[in-house]
Amino acid sequence: MPDLGLLGWIVVGLIAGALSGAVVGGRTARGCLPNIVIGIVGGVVGGWLAQQLGFGPTNGLIAAIVVATLGSILVRSVIGAVEDRG
């Protein structure tokens, strides 16, 4: 992942969290702070999955947003499935 600094990762988290919220829908976490948290967690999950699948490090802001968004979609899907069971 690119070295964006703390503020950069917060922005990437917000964008990725908002995009994943629009894709997944449902009642999962909404609002700025939950979107940022889910986006950052999604970035970690997406980055780890990309490494496990053999992809090289992402370079650039767009690649970071794509990886974080895909990871955030996965995180939101898991949260939605857990909430539905409970």
Protein backbone atom coordinates (compact mmCIF):
# COMPACT_ATOMS: atom_id res chain seq x y z
CA MET A 1 0.00 0.00 0.00
CA PRO A 2 1.21 3.52 -0.62
CA ASP A 3 2.51 5.57 2.28
CA LEU A 4 -0.38 8.02 2.61
CA GLY A 5 0.11 9.01 6.21
CA LEU A 6 -2.63 9.04 8.82
CA LEU A 7 -4.77 11.69 7.16
CA GLY A 8 -4.49 9.92 3.79
CA TRP A 9 -5.67 6.62 5.24
CA ILE A 10 -8.58 8.35 6.97
CA VAL A 11 -9.64 9.82 3.62
CA VAL A 12 -9.21 6.45 1.87
CA GLY A 13 -11.20 4.82 4.69
CA LEU A 14 -14.01 7.34 4.36
CA ILE A 15 -14.23 6.90 0.58
CA ALA A 16 -13.99 3.11 0.74
CA GLY A 17 -16.51 2.89 3.58
CA ALA A 18 -19.00 5.12 1.77
CA LEU A 19 -18.62 3.17 -1.49
CA SER A 20 -19.03 -0.17 0.25
CA GLY A 21 -22.11 1.13 2.07
CA ALA A 22 -23.66 2.09 -1.27
CA VAL A 23 -22.88 -1.34 -2.73
CA VAL A 24 -23.90 -3.54 0.21
CA GLY A 25 -26.83 -1.51 1.51
CA GLY A 26 -28.72 -2.87 4.48
CA ARG A 27 -28.45 -1.65 8.04
CA THR A 28 -24.70 -2.00 8.56
CA ALA A 29 -22.80 0.90 10.12
CA ARG A 30 -23.61 4.30 8.63
CA GLY A 31 -22.16 7.78 9.16
CA CYS A 32 -18.71 9.31 8.84
CA LEU A 33 -16.93 7.60 11.74
CA PRO A 34 -18.33 4.09 11.09
CA ASN A 35 -17.54 4.48 7.37
CA ILE A 36 -13.96 5.50 8.19
CA VAL A 37 -13.49 2.57 10.57
CA ILE A 38 -15.01 0.04 8.17
CA GLY A 39 -12.98 1.53 5.30
CA ILE A 40 -9.70 1.28 7.20
CA VAL A 41 -10.46 -2.26 8.39
CA GLY A 42 -11.47 -3.07 4.82
CA GLY A 43 -8.14 -1.70 3.60
CA VAL A 44 -6.27 -4.00 5.96
CA VAL A 45 -8.41 -7.00 4.99
CA GLY A 46 -8.24 -6.17 1.28
CA GLY A 47 -4.48 -5.63 1.40
CA TRP A 48 -3.95 -8.92 3.20
CA LEU A 49 -6.19 -10.78 0.73
CA ALA A 50 -4.41 -9.20 -2.23
CA GLN A 51 -1.07 -10.40 -0.85
CA GLN A 52 -2.42 -13.90 -0.25
CA LEU A 53 -3.70 -14.04 -3.83
CA GLY A 54 -0.27 -13.10 -5.14
CA PHE A 55 -0.88 -9.49 -6.17
CA GLY A 56 2.00 -7.09 -5.71
CA PRO A 57 1.86 -4.00 -3.55
CA THR A 58 -0.66 -1.40 -4.65
CA ASN A 59 0.73 1.87 -5.93
CA GLY A 60 -1.31 5.02 -5.98
CA LEU A 61 -4.42 6.41 -4.43
CA ILE A 62 -6.90 4.80 -6.83
CA ALA A 63 -5.46 1.32 -6.25
CA ALA A 64 -5.61 1.86 -2.48
CA ILE A 65 -9.27 2.94 -2.73
CA VAL A 66 -10.15 -0.09 -4.90
CA VAL A 67 -8.47 -2.56 -2.53
CA ALA A 68 -9.97 -0.88 0.55
CA THR A 69 -13.43 -0.80 -1.04
CA LEU A 70 -13.33 -4.49 -1.94
CA GLY A 71 -12.17 -5.31 1.59
CA SER A 72 -14.88 -3.06 3.05
CA ILE A 73 -17.55 -4.83 1.02
CA LEU A 74 -16.34 -8.11 2.49
CA VAL A 75 -16.32 -6.64 6.03
CA ARG A 76 -19.84 -5.20 5.62
CA SER A 77 -21.10 -8.51 4.23
CA VAL A 78 -19.71 -10.38 7.25
CA ILE A 79 -21.21 -7.81 9.65
CA GLY A 80 -24.58 -8.10 7.88
CA ALA A 81 -24.50 -11.90 8.07
CA VAL A 82 -23.62 -11.84 11.78
CA GLU A 83 -26.38 -9.30 12.53
CA ASP A 84 -28.93 -11.41 10.67
CA ARG A 85 -28.05 -14.50 12.74
CA GLY A 86 -28.24 -12.62 16.04
